Protein backbone atom coordinates (compact mmCIF):
# COMPACT_ATOMS: atom_id res chain seq x y z
CA MET A 1 -4.48 6.49 1.88
CA ASN A 2 -5.08 10.31 0.58
CA THR A 3 -6.52 10.55 -2.86
CA LEU A 4 -6.88 13.53 -4.69
CA SER A 5 -9.44 14.49 -7.95
CA GLY A 6 -6.80 14.85 -10.87
CA ARG A 7 -8.21 15.90 -14.33
CA ASN A 8 -10.90 13.54 -16.08
CA GLY A 9 -11.83 12.44 -12.66
CA HIS A 10 -8.70 10.36 -12.09
CA THR A 11 -7.72 9.54 -8.50
CA ILE A 12 -4.46 10.51 -7.99
CA THR A 13 -2.90 8.82 -4.58
CA THR A 14 -0.69 10.32 -2.68
CA SER A 15 2.10 8.65 -0.38
CA SER A 16 1.71 8.96 3.45
CA ARG A 17 3.03 7.38 6.32
CA GLU A 18 -0.50 5.36 6.26
CA THR A 19 0.18 4.28 2.68
CA ALA A 20 3.84 3.19 3.44
CA VAL A 21 2.63 1.21 6.15
CA GLU A 22 0.35 -0.57 3.72
CA PHE A 23 3.27 -0.95 1.72
CA VAL A 24 5.16 -2.59 4.41
CA ILE A 25 2.29 -4.76 5.31
CA ASP A 26 1.14 -5.78 2.20
CA ALA A 27 5.13 -6.75 0.99
CA ILE A 28 5.82 -8.83 3.97
CA GLU A 29 2.46 -10.75 3.72
CA SER A 30 2.22 -11.28 0.01
CA THR A 31 5.05 -13.96 0.38
CA GLY A 32 2.71 -16.00 2.58
CA ALA A 33 5.75 -16.74 4.83
CA ALA A 34 5.46 -14.20 7.35
CA THR A 35 2.63 -11.50 8.90
CA ARG A 36 2.71 -8.13 10.34
CA HIS A 37 3.32 -9.63 13.46
CA ASP A 38 6.30 -11.12 12.80
CA PHE A 39 8.09 -7.70 12.18
CA ASP A 40 8.07 -4.20 13.91
CA ILE A 41 6.64 -2.83 11.31
CA ASP A 42 7.23 1.04 12.51
CA ARG A 43 10.78 0.63 12.67
CA ILE A 44 10.75 -0.80 9.10
CA VAL A 45 8.79 2.25 8.04
CA ALA A 46 10.91 4.56 9.56
CA THR A 47 13.85 3.36 8.38
CA VAL A 48 12.72 2.90 4.69
CA HIS A 49 11.46 6.50 4.90
CA ALA A 50 14.60 7.96 5.83
CA LEU A 51 16.28 6.04 3.01
CA ALA A 52 14.04 7.15 0.68
CA GLU A 53 13.70 10.69 2.07
CA ASP A 54 9.76 9.88 0.53
CA TRP A 55 6.86 8.21 1.76
CA ASP A 56 6.67 6.53 -1.76
CA PHE A 57 8.59 3.19 -0.88
CA ASN A 58 8.30 2.12 -4.46
CA THR A 59 11.09 4.05 -5.17
CA LEU A 60 13.62 1.80 -3.30
CA GLN A 61 14.98 -1.14 -4.65
CA PRO A 62 13.64 -4.05 -3.49
CA ALA A 63 16.58 -5.63 -2.25
CA THR A 64 17.25 -2.71 -0.24
CA PHE A 65 13.73 -3.10 1.43
CA TRP A 66 13.91 -6.79 2.16
CA ARG A 67 17.74 -6.06 3.77
CA VAL A 68 15.95 -3.65 6.19
CA ALA A 69 12.61 -5.24 6.55
CA SER A 70 14.75 -8.44 7.69
CA SER A 71 16.49 -6.17 10.31
CA PHE A 72 13.47 -6.35 12.21
CA ILE A 73 11.79 -9.24 12.22
CA LYS A 74 10.58 -10.04 16.40
CA ALA A 75 12.17 -12.67 18.29
């Protein structure tokens, strides 16, 4: 995760591919129903990045994120 120091010592986190991967893994594993090994994380990240046109995946609607993620469940 990339961090910068802002005014008054506040930490600013910049979005990057690494933070996007962390976001996807956290979202998938947060339900407790699946793990990162059940999904093609790289393809989810690439697809969501193309849709969001940003590494900050919080800008995407949750339903859109899950629709993409469900497309990349490993068999």
